[in-house]
């Protein structure tokens, strides 16, 4: 039985997976979007931007601490450092 040809969704998915894996390994090389059909390119670019933001968030310490409940009443709120 012959293997089924890749659909545009398969190409879209495999390029996004490859980019996410590259970001996880510290590379920020954009994939070649020439394989992505023209009608999917805006969605593809938005997905790449989302993956890039997620990769940056993974590298950031997102530990947030909440002040005690009574601090809000006493005006002791301070910004949480980034």
Protein backbone atom coordinates (compact mmCIF):
# COMPACT_ATOMS: atom_id res chain seq x y z
CA UNK A 1 0.00 0.00 0.00
CA UNK A 2 1.37 3.41 -0.96
CA UNK A 3 1.77 5.96 1.83
CA UNK A 4 -0.73 8.81 1.74
CA UNK A 5 0.66 12.14 0.52
CA UNK A 6 1.11 14.80 3.16
CA UNK A 7 -1.75 17.24 3.46
CA UNK A 8 -1.27 20.94 4.08
CA UNK A 9 -2.34 20.33 7.69
CA UNK A 10 0.38 17.69 8.07
CA UNK A 11 3.02 20.08 6.72
CA UNK A 12 1.70 22.89 8.93
CA UNK A 13 1.84 20.66 12.00
CA UNK A 14 5.27 19.19 11.29
CA UNK A 15 6.81 22.64 10.72
CA UNK A 16 5.32 23.95 13.97
CA UNK A 17 6.56 20.92 15.89
CA UNK A 18 10.05 21.33 14.42
CA UNK A 19 10.07 25.03 15.35
CA UNK A 20 8.89 24.32 18.90
CA UNK A 21 11.60 21.69 19.33
CA UNK A 22 14.21 24.10 17.96
CA UNK A 23 13.10 26.79 20.40
CA UNK A 24 13.25 24.30 23.27
CA UNK A 25 16.85 23.52 22.35
CA UNK A 26 17.77 27.22 22.29
CA UNK A 27 17.62 27.86 18.55
CA UNK A 28 15.47 30.67 17.15
CA UNK A 29 15.67 29.75 13.48
CA UNK A 30 12.39 30.30 11.60
CA UNK A 31 11.21 27.40 9.45
CA UNK A 32 10.91 27.67 5.67
CA UNK A 33 7.31 28.61 5.08
CA UNK A 34 7.44 27.95 1.34
CA UNK A 35 5.85 24.56 2.03
CA UNK A 36 2.86 26.20 3.71
CA UNK A 37 -0.01 27.04 1.36
CA UNK A 38 -0.63 30.75 0.89
CA UNK A 39 -4.03 30.64 2.57
CA UNK A 40 -2.48 29.16 5.74
CA UNK A 41 0.50 31.53 6.00
CA UNK A 42 -1.15 34.17 8.21
CA UNK A 43 -2.25 31.44 10.62
CA UNK A 44 1.20 29.85 10.40
CA UNK A 45 2.95 33.13 11.22
CA UNK A 46 0.61 33.73 14.16
CA UNK A 47 1.34 30.22 15.46
CA UNK A 48 5.10 30.85 15.15
CA UNK A 49 4.74 34.08 17.13
CA UNK A 50 2.75 32.25 19.79
CA UNK A 51 5.37 29.50 20.08
CA UNK A 52 8.10 32.12 20.36
CA UNK A 53 6.26 33.88 23.20
CA UNK A 54 5.69 30.58 24.97
CA UNK A 55 9.39 29.75 24.68
CA UNK A 56 10.29 33.13 26.22
CA UNK A 57 7.80 32.55 29.01
CA UNK A 58 9.34 29.15 29.73
CA UNK A 59 12.71 30.84 30.18
CA UNK A 60 11.31 33.44 32.59
CA UNK A 61 10.78 32.80 36.27
CA UNK A 62 7.04 33.11 36.51
CA UNK A 63 6.87 32.52 40.24
CA UNK A 64 4.47 35.07 41.61
CA UNK A 65 3.79 35.71 45.23
CA UNK A 66 0.64 37.26 46.55
CA UNK A 67 0.72 39.75 49.38
CA UNK A 68 -1.25 38.96 52.52
CA UNK A 69 -4.96 39.74 52.19
CA UNK A 70 -4.78 42.49 54.80
CA UNK A 71 -1.95 44.29 52.93
CA UNK A 72 -4.44 45.52 50.35
CA UNK A 73 -6.47 47.20 53.05
CA UNK A 74 -3.40 48.83 54.55
CA UNK A 75 -2.09 50.21 51.24
CA UNK A 76 1.03 48.04 51.33
CA UNK A 77 0.75 46.61 47.83
CA UNK A 78 3.96 46.61 45.87
CA UNK A 79 4.45 45.60 42.22
CA UNK A 80 5.63 42.07 41.68
CA UNK A 81 9.04 42.17 39.97
CA UNK A 82 9.24 40.68 36.47
